[in-house]
Amino acid sequence: MPNEDTAYVERLTVRPIWWVVALAVALLAAGELAAGFNWRIGLLALVTAIAPTVTVLTLLGRLTVRVDGSGIHAGGRTMTYDEMESVEALDAKRTKAQAGPAADPAAFLAFRGYVRESVLVRPLDPRPVPYWLISTRHPQQIVAAVERSARAAFSAR
């Protein structure tokens, strides 16, 4: 929930074109399933195809990334500035590598494949979780927000 010390908020919604494509595929699937049957079966096929599609797209669009006075929040978790070693902006190529071949299975991922860039947040103690990989459309803005908020949090002490 944003408050007065929120420096950055981003909700990673699914782009409209993905909705159009997914719903078109669901409609085609429903048409194939209902072909040759009466309208009741057609309606059942339509609901059976559309409901999970809308549910999945809605759930994929629920990830919110927030930077405020207490730290960085993503995927229902928070890393405070006291726990943070560094925050690094990753371009599309490095994000792909970090989410794939270079990934650590113990890492925390607040990752969406439909977002090409990310930030890599390293904690001071890498034992439980070596890093956080957080998808974002604006990685430089998150890095700047973390730096500003961390400075403000430490100077307020």
N, C-alpha and C. Protein backbone atom coordinates (compact mmCIF):
# COMPACT_ATOMS: atom_id res chain seq x y z
N MET A 1 0.83 -1.18 0.00
CA MET A 1 0.00 0.00 0.00
C MET A 1 0.88 1.25 0.00
N PRO A 2 0.77 2.10 -1.01
CA PRO A 2 1.60 3.29 -1.06
C PRO A 2 1.31 4.23 0.11
N ASN A 3 2.37 4.88 0.59
CA ASN A 3 2.21 5.87 1.64
C ASN A 3 3.04 7.10 1.29
N GLU A 4 3.17 8.03 2.22
CA GLU A 4 3.82 9.30 1.91
C GLU A 4 5.31 9.17 1.62
N ASP A 5 5.97 8.12 2.10
CA ASP A 5 7.40 7.98 1.82
C ASP A 5 7.69 7.02 0.66
N THR A 6 6.70 6.73 -0.15
CA THR A 6 6.89 5.85 -1.30
C THR A 6 7.65 6.59 -2.39
N ALA A 7 8.77 6.01 -2.80
CA ALA A 7 9.61 6.64 -3.81
C ALA A 7 9.32 6.09 -5.21
N TYR A 8 8.79 4.87 -5.28
CA TYR A 8 8.54 4.25 -6.58
C TYR A 8 7.51 3.14 -6.42
N VAL A 9 6.57 3.08 -7.35
CA VAL A 9 5.58 2.00 -7.39
C VAL A 9 5.37 1.61 -8.85
N GLU A 10 5.39 0.33 -9.11
CA GLU A 10 5.13 -0.17 -10.45
C GLU A 10 4.31 -1.46 -10.36
N ARG A 11 3.23 -1.49 -11.09
CA ARG A 11 2.44 -2.72 -11.17
C ARG A 11 2.70 -3.33 -12.53
N LEU A 12 3.14 -4.57 -12.52
CA LEU A 12 3.53 -5.25 -13.76
C LEU A 12 2.33 -5.93 -14.41
N THR A 13 1.48 -5.11 -15.01
CA THR A 13 0.29 -5.64 -15.67
C THR A 13 0.66 -6.29 -16.99
N VAL A 14 -0.20 -7.20 -17.42
CA VAL A 14 -0.03 -7.85 -18.71
C VAL A 14 -0.47 -6.86 -19.78
N ARG A 15 0.31 -6.71 -20.81
CA ARG A 15 -0.01 -5.74 -21.88
C ARG A 15 -1.29 -6.14 -22.60
N PRO A 16 -2.04 -5.15 -23.09
CA PRO A 16 -3.32 -5.43 -23.76
C PRO A 16 -3.22 -6.41 -24.93
N ILE A 17 -2.13 -6.39 -25.67
CA ILE A 17 -2.01 -7.30 -26.81
C ILE A 17 -2.00 -8.76 -26.35
N TRP A 18 -1.43 -9.03 -25.16
CA TRP A 18 -1.44 -10.39 -24.62
C TRP A 18 -2.87 -10.81 -24.31
N TRP A 19 -3.66 -9.88 -23.78
CA TRP A 19 -5.07 -10.17 -23.49
C TRP A 19 -5.79 -10.53 -24.79
N VAL A 20 -5.58 -9.73 -25.82
CA VAL A 20 -6.25 -9.97 -27.10
C VAL A 20 -5.87 -11.34 -27.66
N VAL A 21 -4.60 -11.64 -27.69
CA VAL A 21 -4.13 -12.92 -28.24
C VAL A 21 -4.66 -14.09 -27.41
N ALA A 22 -4.53 -14.01 -26.09
CA ALA A 22 -4.97 -15.11 -25.23
C ALA A 22 -6.47 -15.35 -25.32
N LEU A 23 -7.24 -14.27 -25.35
CA LEU A 23 -8.69 -14.43 -25.46
C LEU A 23 -9.09 -14.95 -26.84
N ALA A 24 -8.39 -14.54 -27.88
CA ALA A 24 -8.67 -15.06 -29.22
C ALA A 24 -8.40 -16.56 -29.28
N VAL A 25 -7.29 -17.00 -28.69
CA VAL A 25 -6.98 -18.43 -28.66
C VAL A 25 -8.03 -19.18 -27.85
N ALA A 26 -8.46 -18.61 -26.72
CA ALA A 26 -9.49 -19.26 -25.90
C ALA A 26 -10.81 -19.36 -26.66
N LEU A 27 -11.16 -18.32 -27.40
CA LEU A 27 -12.39 -18.35 -28.20
C LEU A 27 -12.31 -19.40 -29.30
N LEU A 28 -11.16 -19.49 -29.95
CA LEU A 28 -10.98 -20.53 -30.98
C LEU A 28 -11.07 -21.93 -30.37
N ALA A 29 -10.46 -22.10 -29.21
CA ALA A 29 -10.53 -23.39 -28.52
C ALA A 29 -11.96 -23.73 -28.15
N ALA A 30 -12.70 -22.75 -27.66
CA ALA A 30 -14.11 -22.98 -27.30
C ALA A 30 -14.92 -23.34 -28.54
N GLY A 31 -14.65 -22.68 -29.65
CA GLY A 31 -15.33 -23.00 -30.89
C GLY A 31 -15.06 -24.41 -31.37
N GLU A 32 -13.81 -24.84 -31.22
CA GLU A 32 -13.46 -26.21 -31.60
C GLU A 32 -14.14 -27.22 -30.69
N LEU A 33 -14.15 -26.93 -29.40
CA LEU A 33 -14.77 -27.86 -28.45
C LEU A 33 -16.29 -27.96 -28.66
N ALA A 34 -16.91 -26.86 -29.07
CA ALA A 34 -18.37 -26.81 -29.16
C ALA A 34 -18.90 -27.19 -30.55
N ALA A 35 -18.02 -27.37 -31.50
CA ALA A 35 -18.45 -27.63 -32.88
C ALA A 35 -19.36 -28.85 -32.95
N GLY A 36 -20.53 -28.66 -33.52
CA GLY A 36 -21.46 -29.76 -33.72
C GLY A 36 -22.39 -30.04 -32.55
N PHE A 37 -22.21 -29.31 -31.45
CA PHE A 37 -23.07 -29.52 -30.29
C PHE A 37 -24.11 -28.41 -30.20
N ASN A 38 -25.07 -28.56 -29.29
CA ASN A 38 -26.09 -27.52 -29.12
C ASN A 38 -25.50 -26.31 -28.39
N TRP A 39 -26.29 -25.25 -28.25
CA TRP A 39 -25.79 -24.00 -27.68
C TRP A 39 -25.37 -24.12 -26.22
N ARG A 40 -25.98 -25.06 -25.47
CA ARG A 40 -25.60 -25.23 -24.06
C ARG A 40 -24.16 -25.74 -23.95
N ILE A 41 -23.83 -26.69 -24.78
CA ILE A 41 -22.46 -27.21 -24.78
C ILE A 41 -21.51 -26.11 -25.26
N GLY A 42 -21.94 -25.32 -26.22
CA GLY A 42 -21.12 -24.20 -26.69
C GLY A 42 -20.85 -23.19 -25.59
N LEU A 43 -21.88 -22.89 -24.81
CA LEU A 43 -21.72 -21.96 -23.69
C LEU A 43 -20.79 -22.54 -22.62
N LEU A 44 -20.95 -23.81 -22.35
CA LEU A 44 -20.07 -24.47 -21.38
C LEU A 44 -18.62 -24.46 -21.87
N ALA A 45 -18.42 -24.73 -23.15
CA ALA A 45 -17.07 -24.70 -23.72
C ALA A 45 -16.48 -23.29 -23.64
N LEU A 46 -17.30 -22.29 -23.91
CA LEU A 46 -16.84 -20.90 -23.84
C LEU A 46 -16.41 -20.54 -22.42
N VAL A 47 -17.22 -20.85 -21.45
CA VAL A 47 -16.88 -20.56 -20.05
C VAL A 47 -15.63 -21.35 -19.63
N THR A 48 -15.55 -22.60 -20.06
CA THR A 48 -14.41 -23.46 -19.70
C THR A 48 -13.11 -22.93 -20.30
N ALA A 49 -13.18 -22.30 -21.45
CA ALA A 49 -11.97 -21.76 -22.07
C ALA A 49 -11.64 -20.35 -21.58
N ILE A 50 -12.64 -19.52 -21.39
CA ILE A 50 -12.40 -18.11 -21.03
C ILE A 50 -12.03 -17.93 -19.56
N ALA A 51 -12.70 -18.61 -18.66
CA ALA A 51 -12.48 -18.41 -17.22
C ALA A 51 -11.02 -18.63 -16.81
N PRO A 52 -10.39 -19.77 -17.18
CA PRO A 52 -8.99 -19.93 -16.77
C PRO A 52 -8.05 -18.92 -17.45
N THR A 53 -8.37 -18.54 -18.68
CA THR A 53 -7.54 -17.56 -19.38
C THR A 53 -7.55 -16.22 -18.66
N VAL A 54 -8.73 -15.75 -18.31
CA VAL A 54 -8.85 -14.48 -17.60
C VAL A 54 -8.20 -14.58 -16.22
N THR A 55 -8.38 -15.69 -15.54
CA THR A 55 -7.78 -15.89 -14.22
C THR A 55 -6.26 -15.82 -14.28
N VAL A 56 -5.67 -16.54 -15.22
CA VAL A 56 -4.20 -16.56 -15.34
C VAL A 56 -3.67 -15.17 -15.69
N LEU A 57 -4.27 -14.50 -16.65
CA LEU A 57 -3.80 -13.17 -17.03
C LEU A 57 -3.96 -12.17 -15.88
N THR A 58 -5.02 -12.30 -15.12
CA THR A 58 -5.23 -11.41 -13.97
C THR A 58 -4.18 -11.67 -12.90
N LEU A 59 -3.92 -12.93 -12.60
CA LEU A 59 -2.91 -13.26 -11.59
C LEU A 59 -1.51 -12.83 -12.02
N LEU A 60 -1.20 -12.97 -13.30
CA LEU A 60 0.10 -12.54 -13.79
C LEU A 60 0.29 -11.04 -13.65
N GLY A 61 -0.79 -10.29 -13.70
CA GLY A 61 -0.71 -8.84 -13.61
C GLY A 61 -0.81 -8.27 -12.22
N ARG A 62 -0.69 -9.11 -11.20
CA ARG A 62 -0.84 -8.64 -9.82
C ARG A 62 0.47 -8.24 -9.16
N LEU A 63 1.61 -8.51 -9.77
CA LEU A 63 2.89 -8.21 -9.14
C LEU A 63 3.11 -6.70 -9.07
N THR A 64 3.34 -6.21 -7.85
CA THR A 64 3.64 -4.80 -7.63
C THR A 64 5.01 -4.69 -7.00
N VAL A 65 5.80 -3.78 -7.53
CA VAL A 65 7.13 -3.48 -6.99
C VAL A 65 7.05 -2.10 -6.37
N ARG A 66 7.51 -1.99 -5.11
CA ARG A 66 7.42 -0.70 -4.41
C ARG A 66 8.72 -0.44 -3.66
N VAL A 67 9.17 0.79 -3.73
CA VAL A 67 10.33 1.24 -2.95
C VAL A 67 9.83 2.36 -2.05
N ASP A 68 10.08 2.20 -0.75
CA ASP A 68 9.68 3.25 0.20
C ASP A 68 10.72 3.37 1.30
N GLY A 69 10.39 4.06 2.35
CA GLY A 69 11.34 4.32 3.43
C GLY A 69 11.80 3.08 4.17
N SER A 70 11.06 1.98 4.07
CA SER A 70 11.46 0.77 4.78
C SER A 70 12.25 -0.21 3.92
N GLY A 71 12.21 -0.06 2.61
CA GLY A 71 12.97 -0.97 1.75
C GLY A 71 12.30 -1.19 0.41
N ILE A 72 12.61 -2.32 -0.19
CA ILE A 72 12.02 -2.68 -1.47
C ILE A 72 11.05 -3.83 -1.24
N HIS A 73 9.87 -3.72 -1.83
CA HIS A 73 8.81 -4.70 -1.64
C HIS A 73 8.46 -5.31 -2.99
N ALA A 74 8.41 -6.63 -3.05
CA ALA A 74 8.02 -7.32 -4.29
C ALA A 74 7.59 -8.74 -3.94
N GLY A 75 6.55 -9.19 -4.60
CA GLY A 75 6.11 -10.57 -4.41
C GLY A 75 5.74 -10.92 -2.98
N GLY A 76 5.23 -9.96 -2.23
CA GLY A 76 4.82 -10.22 -0.85
C GLY A 76 5.97 -10.23 0.15
N ARG A 77 7.17 -9.89 -0.27
CA ARG A 77 8.32 -9.84 0.63
C ARG A 77 8.92 -8.45 0.65
N THR A 78 9.69 -8.19 1.70
CA THR A 78 10.36 -6.90 1.86
C THR A 78 11.81 -7.12 2.22
N MET A 79 12.71 -6.39 1.54
CA MET A 79 14.11 -6.36 1.95
C MET A 79 14.40 -4.94 2.40
N THR A 80 14.78 -4.81 3.66
CA THR A 80 15.07 -3.49 4.21
C THR A 80 16.45 -3.03 3.76
N TYR A 81 16.71 -1.75 3.91
CA TYR A 81 18.00 -1.20 3.52
C TYR A 81 19.13 -1.75 4.38
N ASP A 82 18.84 -2.11 5.63
CA ASP A 82 19.84 -2.71 6.50
C ASP A 82 20.28 -4.09 6.01
N GLU A 83 19.42 -4.78 5.28
CA GLU A 83 19.72 -6.12 4.77
C GLU A 83 20.33 -6.10 3.38
N MET A 84 20.31 -4.97 2.72
CA MET A 84 20.66 -4.85 1.31
C MET A 84 22.12 -4.49 1.13
N GLU A 85 22.78 -5.24 0.24
CA GLU A 85 24.16 -4.91 -0.12
C GLU A 85 24.19 -4.00 -1.35
N SER A 86 23.47 -4.42 -2.41
CA SER A 86 23.49 -3.64 -3.65
C SER A 86 22.23 -3.88 -4.47
N VAL A 87 21.97 -2.94 -5.37
CA VAL A 87 20.88 -3.04 -6.33
C VAL A 87 21.46 -2.70 -7.69
N GLU A 88 21.22 -3.59 -8.64
CA GLU A 88 21.80 -3.41 -9.97
C GLU A 88 20.72 -3.55 -11.04
N ALA A 89 20.72 -2.62 -11.99
CA ALA A 89 19.78 -2.68 -13.11
C ALA A 89 20.33 -3.65 -14.15
N LEU A 90 19.46 -4.55 -14.63
CA LEU A 90 19.86 -5.51 -15.65
C LEU A 90 19.09 -5.23 -16.94
N ASP A 91 19.81 -5.27 -18.06
CA ASP A 91 19.14 -5.12 -19.35
C ASP A 91 18.49 -6.45 -19.73
N ALA A 92 17.87 -6.49 -20.90
CA ALA A 92 17.13 -7.69 -21.32
C ALA A 92 18.03 -8.92 -21.43
N LYS A 93 19.22 -8.76 -21.97
CA LYS A 93 20.14 -9.89 -22.15
C LYS A 93 20.59 -10.46 -20.80
N ARG A 94 20.97 -9.59 -19.89
CA ARG A 94 21.42 -10.05 -18.57
C ARG A 94 20.27 -10.61 -17.74
N THR A 95 19.06 -10.04 -17.92
CA THR A 95 17.89 -10.57 -17.22
C THR A 95 17.61 -11.99 -17.68
N LYS A 96 17.67 -12.22 -18.98
CA LYS A 96 17.43 -13.55 -19.54
C LYS A 96 18.44 -14.56 -18.99
N ALA A 97 19.69 -14.17 -18.93
CA ALA A 97 20.73 -15.06 -18.40
C ALA A 97 20.52 -15.32 -16.91
N GLN A 98 20.21 -14.27 -16.15
CA GLN A 98 20.04 -14.41 -14.70
C GLN A 98 18.80 -15.22 -14.34
N ALA A 99 17.80 -15.20 -15.18
CA ALA A 99 16.58 -15.98 -14.94
C ALA A 99 16.70 -17.39 -15.49
N GLY A 100 17.69 -17.62 -16.33
CA GLY A 100 17.84 -18.93 -16.97
C GLY A 100 19.13 -19.62 -16.57
N PRO A 101 20.12 -19.65 -17.47
CA PRO A 101 21.34 -20.44 -17.23
C PRO A 101 22.15 -20.02 -16.00
N ALA A 102 22.15 -18.75 -15.66
CA ALA A 102 22.94 -18.27 -14.52
C ALA A 102 22.14 -18.24 -13.22
N ALA A 103 20.91 -18.73 -13.25
CA ALA A 103 20.03 -18.65 -12.08
C ALA A 103 20.50 -19.54 -10.94
N ASP A 104 20.28 -19.06 -9.74
CA ASP A 104 20.53 -19.84 -8.54
C ASP A 104 19.18 -20.32 -8.04
N PRO A 105 19.01 -21.64 -7.81
CA PRO A 105 17.70 -22.14 -7.38
C PRO A 105 17.24 -21.61 -6.03
N ALA A 106 18.14 -21.08 -5.24
CA ALA A 106 17.77 -20.55 -3.92
C ALA A 106 17.34 -19.08 -3.99
N ALA A 107 17.47 -18.46 -5.15
CA ALA A 107 17.14 -17.03 -5.29
C ALA A 107 15.64 -16.80 -5.17
N PHE A 108 15.29 -15.59 -4.77
CA PHE A 108 13.89 -15.17 -4.74
C PHE A 108 13.60 -14.46 -6.05
N LEU A 109 12.61 -14.95 -6.77
CA LEU A 109 12.24 -14.36 -8.05
C LEU A 109 10.86 -13.73 -7.98
N ALA A 110 10.81 -12.46 -8.22
CA ALA A 110 9.54 -11.76 -8.45
C ALA A 110 9.63 -11.42 -9.94
N PHE A 111 9.47 -12.45 -10.74
CA PHE A 111 9.84 -12.39 -12.15
C PHE A 111 8.63 -12.63 -13.04
N ARG A 112 8.54 -11.86 -14.10
CA ARG A 112 7.51 -12.04 -15.10
C ARG A 112 8.20 -12.10 -16.46
N GLY A 113 8.01 -13.18 -17.17
CA GLY A 113 8.67 -13.40 -18.45
C GLY A 113 8.28 -12.38 -19.51
N TYR A 114 7.16 -11.74 -19.35
CA TYR A 114 6.72 -10.75 -20.33
C TYR A 114 7.33 -9.37 -20.09
N VAL A 115 8.14 -9.24 -19.05
CA VAL A 115 8.87 -8.00 -18.79
C VAL A 115 10.34 -8.30 -19.02
N ARG A 116 10.96 -7.56 -19.91
CA ARG A 116 12.30 -7.91 -20.37
C ARG A 116 13.44 -7.51 -19.44
N GLU A 117 13.25 -6.47 -18.64
CA GLU A 117 14.34 -6.00 -17.79
C GLU A 117 14.04 -6.30 -16.33
N SER A 118 15.07 -6.10 -15.49
CA SER A 118 14.90 -6.42 -14.07
C SER A 118 15.94 -5.67 -13.24
N VAL A 119 15.81 -5.82 -11.93
CA VAL A 119 16.85 -5.39 -11.00
C VAL A 119 17.30 -6.61 -10.20
N LEU A 120 18.57 -6.61 -9.89
CA LEU A 120 19.16 -7.67 -9.08
C LEU A 120 19.51 -7.06 -7.73
N VAL A 121 18.89 -7.54 -6.68
CA VAL A 121 19.11 -7.02 -5.33
C VAL A 121 19.89 -8.08 -4.55
N ARG A 122 21.06 -7.70 -4.10
CA ARG A 122 21.90 -8.64 -3.33
C ARG A 122 21.81 -8.30 -1.85
N PRO A 123 21.51 -9.30 -1.01
CA PRO A 123 21.48 -9.06 0.44
C PRO A 123 22.89 -9.12 1.03
N LEU A 124 23.06 -8.55 2.21
CA LEU A 124 24.35 -8.63 2.90
C LEU A 124 24.70 -10.07 3.26
N ASP A 125 23.70 -10.85 3.69
CA ASP A 125 23.92 -12.25 4.03
C ASP A 125 23.31 -13.12 2.93
N PRO A 126 24.12 -13.69 2.05
CA PRO A 126 23.59 -14.46 0.93
C PRO A 126 23.21 -15.90 1.25
N ARG A 127 23.32 -16.31 2.52
CA ARG A 127 23.06 -17.71 2.84
C ARG A 127 21.62 -18.15 2.62
N PRO A 128 20.64 -17.48 3.17
CA PRO A 128 19.30 -18.02 2.92
C PRO A 128 18.84 -17.78 1.48
N VAL A 129 19.07 -16.55 0.99
CA VAL A 129 18.67 -16.19 -0.37
C VAL A 129 19.83 -15.40 -0.98
N PRO A 130 20.45 -15.91 -2.04
CA PRO A 130 21.62 -15.23 -2.60
C PRO A 130 21.31 -13.90 -3.27
N TYR A 131 20.13 -13.77 -3.85
CA TYR A 131 19.73 -12.51 -4.48
C TYR A 131 18.24 -12.53 -4.76
N TRP A 132 17.73 -11.35 -5.05
CA TRP A 132 16.36 -11.19 -5.54
C TRP A 132 16.46 -10.74 -6.98
N LEU A 133 15.69 -11.34 -7.84
CA LEU A 133 15.56 -10.89 -9.22
C LEU A 133 14.13 -10.38 -9.39
N ILE A 134 14.00 -9.08 -9.63
CA ILE A 134 12.69 -8.44 -9.68
C ILE A 134 12.47 -7.85 -11.07
N SER A 135 11.45 -8.31 -11.75
CA SER A 135 11.11 -7.76 -13.06
C SER A 135 10.64 -6.33 -12.92
N THR A 136 11.02 -5.51 -13.91
CA THR A 136 10.58 -4.12 -13.94
C THR A 136 10.73 -3.58 -15.35
N ARG A 137 9.88 -2.66 -15.70
CA ARG A 137 10.01 -2.00 -16.99
C ARG A 137 10.92 -0.77 -16.89
N HIS A 138 11.28 -0.39 -15.67
CA HIS A 138 12.10 0.82 -15.44
C HIS A 138 13.19 0.54 -14.40
N PRO A 139 14.18 -0.29 -14.73
CA PRO A 139 15.19 -0.66 -13.72
C PRO A 139 16.01 0.51 -13.18
N GLN A 140 16.34 1.46 -14.04
CA GLN A 140 17.13 2.61 -13.57
C GLN A 140 16.36 3.44 -12.56
N GLN A 141 15.05 3.55 -12.73
CA GLN A 141 14.23 4.31 -11.78
C GLN A 141 14.18 3.63 -10.43
N ILE A 142 14.15 2.29 -10.43
CA ILE A 142 14.15 1.57 -9.15
C ILE A 142 15.49 1.76 -8.44
N VAL A 143 16.59 1.64 -9.17
CA VAL A 143 17.92 1.84 -8.56
C VAL A 143 18.01 3.24 -7.96
N ALA A 144 17.57 4.25 -8.71
CA ALA A 144 17.62 5.62 -8.20
C ALA A 144 16.71 5.79 -6.98
N ALA A 145 15.53 5.18 -7.00
CA ALA A 145 14.60 5.28 -5.87
C ALA A 145 15.18 4.60 -4.63
N VAL A 146 15.82 3.46 -4.81
CA VAL A 146 16.45 2.76 -3.67
C VAL A 146 17.57 3.62 -3.09
N GLU A 147 18.39 4.18 -3.95
CA GLU A 147 19.50 5.02 -3.46
C GLU A 147 18.98 6.23 -2.69
N ARG A 148 17.97 6.90 -3.25
CA ARG A 148 17.38 8.07 -2.57
C ARG A 148 16.75 7.70 -1.23
N SER A 149 15.94 6.64 -1.24
CA SER A 149 15.24 6.23 -0.02
C SER A 149 16.19 5.71 1.03
N ALA A 150 17.22 4.98 0.63
CA ALA A 150 18.19 4.46 1.59
C ALA A 150 18.96 5.62 2.24
N ARG A 151 19.36 6.60 1.44
CA ARG A 151 20.03 7.77 2.00
C ARG A 151 19.15 8.49 3.00
N ALA A 152 17.87 8.66 2.63
CA ALA A 152 16.93 9.34 3.52
C ALA A 152 16.71 8.54 4.81
N ALA A 153 16.61 7.21 4.67
CA ALA A 153 16.37 6.36 5.84
C ALA A 153 17.56 6.39 6.79
N PHE A 154 18.78 6.34 6.24
CA PHE A 154 19.97 6.33 7.09
C PHE A 154 20.26 7.72 7.69
N SER A 155 19.94 8.78 6.97
CA SER A 155 20.17 10.12 7.52
C SER A 155 19.14 10.48 8.58
N ALA A 156 17.98 9.82 8.57
CA ALA A 156 16.94 10.10 9.57
C ALA A 156 17.25 9.44 10.91
N ARG A 157 18.24 8.60 10.96
CA ARG A 157 18.57 7.90 12.21
C ARG A 157 19.36 8.74 13.16
